[in-house]
PDB file of N, CA and C in Angstrom:
ATOM      1  N   MET A   1     111.624  79.052 107.124  1.00  0.00           N
ATOM      2  CA  MET A   1     110.917  79.942 107.893  1.00  0.00           C
ATOM      3  C   MET A   1     109.648  80.946 107.006  1.00  0.00           C
ATOM      4  N   ASP A   2     108.874  79.809 107.782  1.00  0.00           N
ATOM      5  CA  ASP A   2     107.187  80.000 107.300  1.00  0.00           C
ATOM      6  C   ASP A   2     106.525  81.447 106.730  1.00  0.00           C
ATOM      7  N   TYR A   3     107.818  82.406 107.641  1.00  0.00           N
ATOM      8  CA  TYR A   3     107.058  84.053 107.482  1.00  0.00           C
ATOM      9  C   TYR A   3     107.736  85.048 106.663  1.00  0.00           C
ATOM     10  N   ASP A   4     108.234  84.501 105.308  1.00  0.00           N
ATOM     11  CA  ASP A   4     109.257  84.750 104.615  1.00  0.00           C
ATOM     12  C   ASP A   4     107.842  85.954 103.739  1.00  0.00           C
ATOM     13  N   TYR A   5     107.102  84.810 102.775  1.00  0.00           N
ATOM     14  CA  TYR A   5     106.214  86.389 102.297  1.00  0.00           C
ATOM     15  C   TYR A   5     105.618  87.155 102.827  1.00  0.00           C
ATOM     16  N   GLN A   6     104.850  86.641 104.067  1.00  0.00           N
ATOM     17  CA  GLN A   6     103.852  87.594 104.805  1.00  0.00           C
ATOM     18  C   GLN A   6     104.926  88.333 104.813  1.00  0.00           C
ATOM     19  N   LEU A   7     106.219  88.640 105.497  1.00  0.00           N
ATOM     20  CA  LEU A   7     106.907  89.367 106.489  1.00  0.00           C
ATOM     21  C   LEU A   7     107.237  89.721 104.791  1.00  0.00           C
ATOM     22  N   VAL A   8     107.885  90.175 103.990  1.00  0.00           N
ATOM     23  CA  VAL A   8     107.718  90.854 102.801  1.00  0.00           C
ATOM     24  C   VAL A   8     107.124  91.523 102.388  1.00  0.00           C
ATOM     25  N   GLY A   9     105.513  90.482 102.186  1.00  0.00           N
ATOM     26  CA  GLY A   9     104.249  91.612 101.454  1.00  0.00           C
ATOM     27  C   GLY A   9     104.280  92.283 102.704  1.00  0.00           C
ATOM     28  N   GLY A  10     103.652  92.768 103.903  1.00  0.00           N
ATOM     29  CA  GLY A  10     103.571  93.324 104.741  1.00  0.00           C
ATOM     30  C   GLY A  10     104.655  94.744 104.703  1.00  0.00           C
ATOM     31  N   THR A  11     106.193  94.470 104.250  1.00  0.00           N
ATOM     32  CA  THR A  11     107.055  95.199 103.738  1.00  0.00           C
ATOM     33  C   THR A  11     106.593  95.959 102.849  1.00  0.00           C
ATOM     34  N   LEU A  12     106.059  95.774 101.648  1.00  0.00           N
ATOM     35  CA  LEU A  12     105.824  95.733 101.012  1.00  0.00           C
ATOM     36  C   LEU A  12     104.968  96.749 100.547  1.00  0.00           C
ATOM     37  N   LEU A  13     104.043  96.659 101.352  1.00  0.00           N
ATOM     38  CA  LEU A  13     102.706  96.719 101.109  1.00  0.00           C
ATOM     39  C   LEU A  13     102.726  98.334 102.392  1.00  0.00           C
ATOM     40  N   GLY A  14     102.992  98.188 103.365  1.00  0.00           N
ATOM     41  CA  GLY A  14     103.146  99.109 103.692  1.00  0.00           C
ATOM     42  C   GLY A  14     104.241 100.348 103.626  1.00  0.00           C
ATOM     43  N   VAL A  15     105.265 100.113 102.241  1.00  0.00           N
ATOM     44  CA  VAL A  15     106.129 101.333 101.656  1.00  0.00           C
ATOM     45  C   VAL A  15     105.218 101.531 100.580  1.00  0.00           C
ATOM     46  N   PHE A  16     104.142 101.365 100.299  1.00  0.00           N
ATOM     47  CA  PHE A  16     103.632 101.657  99.278  1.00  0.00           C
ATOM     48  C   PHE A  16     102.186 102.547  99.620  1.00  0.00           C
ATOM     49  N   GLY A  17     102.059 101.918 100.790  1.00  0.00           N
ATOM     50  CA  GLY A  17     101.036 102.875 101.509  1.00  0.00           C
ATOM     51  C   GLY A  17     101.666 104.268 101.989  1.00  0.00           C
ATOM     52  N   ILE A  18     102.242 104.159 102.384  1.00  0.00           N
ATOM     53  CA  ILE A  18     103.008 104.747 102.909  1.00  0.00           C
ATOM     54  C   ILE A  18     103.355 106.597 101.706  1.00  0.00           C
ATOM     55  N   VAL A  19     103.850 105.691 100.787  1.00  0.00           N
ATOM     56  CA  VAL A  19     104.387 106.385  99.973  1.00  0.00           C
ATOM     57  C   VAL A  19     102.424 106.891  98.777  1.00  0.00           C
ATOM     58  N   ALA A  20     101.514 106.408  99.292  1.00  0.00           N
ATOM     59  CA  ALA A  20     100.133 106.348  98.407  1.00  0.00           C
ATOM     60  C   ALA A  20      99.275 108.031 100.016  1.00  0.00           C
ATOM     61  N   ILE A  21      99.747 108.051 101.218  1.00  0.00           N
ATOM     62  CA  ILE A  21      98.947 108.709 101.854  1.00  0.00           C
ATOM     63  C   ILE A  21      99.445 109.797 102.308  1.00  0.00           C
ATOM     64  N   ALA A  22     101.072 110.221 101.409  1.00  0.00           N
ATOM     65  CA  ALA A  22     102.155 111.074 100.684  1.00  0.00           C
ATOM     66  C   ALA A  22     101.691 112.153 100.439  1.00  0.00           C
ATOM     67  N   ASN A  23     101.175 111.110  99.072  1.00  0.00           N
ATOM     68  CA  ASN A  23     100.953 111.266  97.105  1.00  0.00           C
ATOM     69  C   ASN A  23      98.835 112.249  97.351  1.00  0.00           C
ATOM     70  N   ALA A  24      98.696 111.933  98.481  1.00  0.00           N
ATOM     71  CA  ALA A  24      96.818 112.083  98.583  1.00  0.00           C
ATOM     72  C   ALA A  24      97.188 113.109  99.090  1.00  0.00           C
ATOM     73  N   MET A  25      97.812 113.582 100.032  1.00  0.00           N
ATOM     74  CA  MET A  25      98.300 114.383 100.368  1.00  0.00           C
ATOM     75  C   MET A  25      97.929 115.971 100.283  1.00  0.00           C
ATOM     76  N   VAL A  26      99.150 115.612  99.124  1.00  0.00           N
ATOM     77  CA  VAL A  26      99.836 116.630  98.301  1.00  0.00           C
ATOM     78  C   VAL A  26      99.006 116.685  97.803  1.00  0.00           C
ATOM     79  N   GLU A  27      98.504 115.902  96.979  1.00  0.00           N
ATOM     80  CA  GLU A  27      96.876 116.283  95.910  1.00  0.00           C
ATOM     81  C   GLU A  27      95.915 116.268  96.219  1.00  0.00           C
ATOM     82  N   ARG A  28      95.754 116.625  97.938  1.00  0.00           N
ATOM     83  CA  ARG A  28      94.328 117.380  98.457  1.00  0.00           C
ATOM     84  C   ARG A  28      93.393 115.633  98.020  1.00  0.00           C
ATOM     85  N   ARG A  29      93.202 115.340  98.466  1.00  0.00           N
ATOM     86  CA  ARG A  29      92.746 114.179  97.976  1.00  0.00           C
ATOM     87  C   ARG A  29      92.256 113.140  99.713  1.00  0.00           C
ATOM     88  N   SER A  30      91.509 112.264  99.696  1.00  0.00           N
ATOM     89  CA  SER A  30      91.174 111.308 100.305  1.00  0.00           C
ATOM     90  C   SER A  30      92.119 110.379 100.200  1.00  0.00           C
ATOM     91  N   PRO A  31      93.464 110.363 102.257  1.00  0.00           N
ATOM     92  CA  PRO A  31      94.192 109.000 101.510  1.00  0.00           C
ATOM     93  C   PRO A  31      93.904 107.461 102.338  1.00  0.00           C
ATOM     94  N   LEU A  32      92.323 107.479 101.907  1.00  0.00           N
ATOM     95  CA  LEU A  32      91.550 106.303 102.611  1.00  0.00           C
ATOM     96  C   LEU A  32      92.910 104.905 102.351  1.00  0.00           C
ATOM     97  N   LEU A  33      92.860 105.127 100.715  1.00  0.00           N
ATOM     98  CA  LEU A  33      93.806 103.870 100.382  1.00  0.00           C
ATOM     99  C   LEU A  33      94.885 103.537 100.165  1.00  0.00           C
ATOM    100  N   GLY A  34      96.193 103.859 101.248  1.00  0.00           N
ATOM    101  CA  GLY A  34      96.999 104.006 101.490  1.00  0.00           C
ATOM    102  C   GLY A  34      97.123 103.671 103.206  1.00  0.00           C
ATOM    103  N   VAL A  35      96.119 104.917 103.330  1.00  0.00           N
ATOM    104  CA  VAL A  35      96.197 104.033 104.929  1.00  0.00           C
ATOM    105  C   VAL A  35      95.075 102.286 105.154  1.00  0.00           C
ATOM    106  N   THR A  36      94.542 102.430 104.181  1.00  0.00           N
ATOM    107  CA  THR A  36      93.857 100.487 104.417  1.00  0.00           C
ATOM    108  C   THR A  36      95.275  99.667 103.658  1.00  0.00           C
ATOM    109  N   GLY A  37      95.944 100.336 102.845  1.00  0.00           N
ATOM    110  CA  GLY A  37      97.153  99.511 102.815  1.00  0.00           C
ATOM    111  C   GLY A  37      98.601  99.282 103.807  1.00  0.00           C
ATOM    112  N   VAL A  38      98.658 100.268 104.479  1.00  0.00           N
ATOM    113  CA  VAL A  38      99.265 100.436 106.131  1.00  0.00           C
ATOM    114  C   VAL A  38      98.834  99.625 107.128  1.00  0.00           C
ATOM    115  N   LEU A  39      97.552  99.315 106.977  1.00  0.00           N
ATOM    116  CA  LEU A  39      96.965  98.515 107.937  1.00  0.00           C
ATOM    117  C   LEU A  39      97.292  97.298 107.709  1.00  0.00           C
ATOM    118  N   LEU A  40      96.051  97.067 106.748  1.00  0.00           N
ATOM    119  CA  LEU A  40      97.118  95.060 105.403  1.00  0.00           C
ATOM    120  C   LEU A  40      98.133  95.144 105.755  1.00  0.00           C
ATOM    121  N   ALA A  41      99.080  95.958 106.106  1.00  0.00           N
ATOM    122  CA  ALA A  41     100.432  95.370 106.245  1.00  0.00           C
ATOM    123  C   ALA A  41     100.814  95.599 107.886  1.00  0.00           C
ATOM    124  N   CYS A  42     100.863  96.366 108.486  1.00  0.00           N
ATOM    125  CA  CYS A  42     100.425  96.096 109.867  1.00  0.00           C
ATOM    126  C   CYS A  42     100.001  94.585 110.313  1.00  0.00           C
ATOM    127  N   GLY A  43      98.811  94.160 109.423  1.00  0.00           N
ATOM    128  CA  GLY A  43      97.905  92.966 109.922  1.00  0.00           C
ATOM    129  C   GLY A  43      99.426  92.006 108.859  1.00  0.00           C
ATOM    130  N   LEU A  44      99.784  91.751 108.240  1.00  0.00           N
ATOM    131  CA  LEU A  44     100.559  90.633 107.753  1.00  0.00           C
ATOM    132  C   LEU A  44     101.731  90.568 108.630  1.00  0.00           C
ATOM    133  N   ILE A  45     102.327  91.948 108.726  1.00  0.00           N
ATOM    134  CA  ILE A  45     103.876  91.378 109.689  1.00  0.00           C
ATOM    135  C   ILE A  45     103.373  91.408 111.170  1.00  0.00           C
ATOM    136  N   GLY A  46     102.527  91.037 112.020  1.00  0.00           N
ATOM    137  CA  GLY A  46     101.931  90.744 112.984  1.00  0.00           C
ATOM    138  C   GLY A  46     101.794  89.878 113.225  1.00  0.00           C
ATOM    139  N   TRP A  47     101.059  88.742 111.699  1.00  0.00           N
ATOM    140  CA  TRP A  47     100.559  87.993 111.346  1.00  0.00           C
ATOM    141  C   TRP A  47     102.649  87.056 111.148  1.00  0.00           C
ATOM    142  N   ALA A  48     103.063  87.172 110.225  1.00  0.00           N
ATOM    143  CA  ALA A  48     104.391  87.118 110.834  1.00  0.00           C
ATOM    144  C   ALA A  48     104.793  87.024 111.330  1.00  0.00           C
ATOM    145  N   TRP A  49     104.667  88.042 112.666  1.00  0.00           N
ATOM    146  CA  TRP A  49     105.637  87.892 113.612  1.00  0.00           C
ATOM    147  C   TRP A  49     104.533  86.638 114.529  1.00  0.00           C
ATOM    148  N   LEU A  50     102.908  86.376 114.327  1.00  0.00           N
ATOM    149  CA  LEU A  50     103.070  84.900 115.509  1.00  0.00           C
ATOM    150  C   LEU A  50     103.257  84.037 114.471  1.00  0.00           C
ATOM    151  N   VAL A  51     103.173  83.979 114.022  1.00  0.00           N
ATOM    152  CA  VAL A  51     103.339  82.319 112.880  1.00  0.00           C
ATOM    153  C   VAL A  51     105.266  81.927 113.029  1.00  0.00           C
ATOM    154  N   SER A  52     106.164  82.971 114.179  1.00  0.00           N
ATOM    155  CA  SER A  52     107.328  82.675 114.252  1.00  0.00           C
ATOM    156  C   SER A  52     107.665  82.512 115.281  1.00  0.00           C
ATOM    157  N   GLY A  53     106.664  83.171 116.156  1.00  0.00           N
ATOM    158  CA  GLY A  53     106.280  82.798 117.613  1.00  0.00           C
ATOM    159  C   GLY A  53     106.889  84.181 118.088  1.00  0.00           C
ATOM    160  N   GLY A  54     107.300  84.664 117.771  1.00  0.00           N
ATOM    161  CA  GLY A  54     107.907  85.723 118.886  1.00  0.00           C
ATOM    162  C   GLY A  54     109.479  85.827 118.380  1.00  0.00           C
ATOM    163  N   ALA A  55     109.947  85.598 117.720  1.00  0.00           N
ATOM    164  CA  ALA A  55     110.873  85.816 117.857  1.00  0.00           C
ATOM    165  C   ALA A  55     111.751  86.377 116.213  1.00  0.00           C
ATOM    166  N   MET A  56     110.878  87.051 115.824  1.00  0.00           N
ATOM    167  CA  MET A  56     110.970  87.686 114.503  1.00  0.00           C
ATOM    168  C   MET A  56     111.700  88.881 115.222  1.00  0.00           C
ATOM    169  N   SER A  57     112.751  89.310 114.407  1.00  0.00           N
ATOM    170  CA  SER A  57     113.473  90.990 114.733  1.00  0.00           C
ATOM    171  C   SER A  57     112.891  91.859 113.472  1.00  0.00           C
ATOM    172  N   TRP A  58     113.316  93.115 113.153  1.00  0.00           N
ATOM    173  CA  TRP A  58     113.892  93.337 111.404  1.00  0.00           C
ATOM    174  C   TRP A  58     114.840  92.960 110.978  1.00  0.00           C
ATOM    175  N   ARG A  59     116.281  92.355 111.598  1.00  0.00           N
ATOM    176  CA  ARG A  59     116.928  92.281 110.740  1.00  0.00           C
ATOM    177  C   ARG A  59     116.838  90.940 109.860  1.00  0.00           C
ATOM    178  N   ASP A  60     115.641  90.497 110.054  1.00  0.00           N
ATOM    179  CA  ASP A  60     115.348  89.270 109.497  1.00  0.00           C
ATOM    180  C   ASP A  60     114.317  89.754 108.726  1.00  0.00           C
ATOM    181  N   ILE A  61     114.449  90.880 108.099  1.00  0.00           N
ATOM    182  CA  ILE A  61     113.226  91.915 106.822  1.00  0.00           C
ATOM    183  C   ILE A  61     114.726  90.779 105.378  1.00  0.00           C
ATOM    184  N   PRO A  62     115.397  91.559 105.307  1.00  0.00           N
ATOM    185  CA  PRO A  62     116.548  91.300 104.551  1.00  0.00           C
ATOM    186  C   PRO A  62     117.233  89.837 103.970  1.00  0.00           C
ATOM    187  N   ASP A  63     116.291  89.003 105.140  1.00  0.00           N
ATOM    188  CA  ASP A  63     116.834  87.205 104.612  1.00  0.00           C
ATOM    189  C   ASP A  63     115.787  86.746 104.309  1.00  0.00           C
ATOM    190  N   ALA A  64     114.907  87.392 104.723  1.00  0.00           N
ATOM    191  CA  ALA A  64     113.321  87.483 103.882  1.00  0.00           C
ATOM    192  C   ALA A  64     112.783  87.390 102.696  1.00  0.00           C
ATOM    193  N   VAL A  65     113.406  88.505 102.314  1.00  0.00           N
ATOM    194  CA  VAL A  65     114.074  88.952 101.064  1.00  0.00           C
ATOM    195  C   VAL A  65     114.391  88.103  99.892  1.00  0.00           C
ATOM    196  N   TYR A  66     115.488  88.130 100.270  1.00  0.00           N
ATOM    197  CA  TYR A  66     116.733  86.991  99.390  1.00  0.00           C
ATOM    198  C   TYR A  66     116.151  85.339  99.390  1.00  0.00           C
ATOM    199  N   SER A  67     114.816  84.892 100.583  1.00  0.00           N
ATOM    200  CA  SER A  67     115.030  84.061 100.596  1.00  0.00           C
ATOM    201  C   SER A  67     113.952  83.733 100.211  1.00  0.00           C
ATOM    202  N   VAL A  68     113.211  84.956  99.903  1.00  0.00           N
ATOM    203  CA  VAL A  68     112.065  84.794  98.204  1.00  0.00           C
ATOM    204  C   VAL A  68     112.053  85.518  97.373  1.00  0.00           C
ATOM    205  N   ILE A  69     113.263  85.243  96.752  1.00  0.00           N
ATOM    206  CA  ILE A  69     114.150  86.158  95.537  1.00  0.00           C
ATOM    207  C   ILE A  69     114.538  84.688  95.153  1.00  0.00           C
ATOM    208  N   GLY A  70     114.569  83.376  96.129  1.00  0.00           N
ATOM    209  CA  GLY A  70     115.597  82.449  95.566  1.00  0.00           C
ATOM    210  C   GLY A  70     114.485  82.042  95.617  1.00  0.00           C
ATOM    211  N   ARG A  71     113.350  81.595  95.817  1.00  0.00           N
ATOM    212  CA  ARG A  71     112.367  80.179  95.902  1.00  0.00           C
ATOM    213  C   ARG A  71     111.782  80.758  94.307  1.00  0.00           C
ATOM    214  N   TRP A  72     111.212  82.053  94.078  1.00  0.00           N
ATOM    215  CA  TRP A  72     111.164  82.194  92.846  1.00  0.00           C
ATOM    216  C   TRP A  72     111.415  81.988  91.421  1.00  0.00           C
ATOM    217  N   ASN A  73     112.200  80.501  91.070  1.00  0.00           N
ATOM    218  CA  ASN A  73     112.780  80.576  89.562  1.00  0.00           C
ATOM    219  C   ASN A  73     111.387  80.079  89.285  1.00  0.00           C
TER     220      ASN A  73
END
């Protein structure tokens, strides 16, 4: 699986981007940084989907996380 890093990175960046957007709205700041993170996450996940040949599904995310952790020794 060549798309593990893109899938895990996009998922993490998307989660952090959504949290940043919510935090900015609570503190009445501009959510520009969070929106940028979510857009980058969409780009990474889209890239992973293209590299996989369109065969990727949401069930591949846990396998990709464990694969990245296993390679990180």
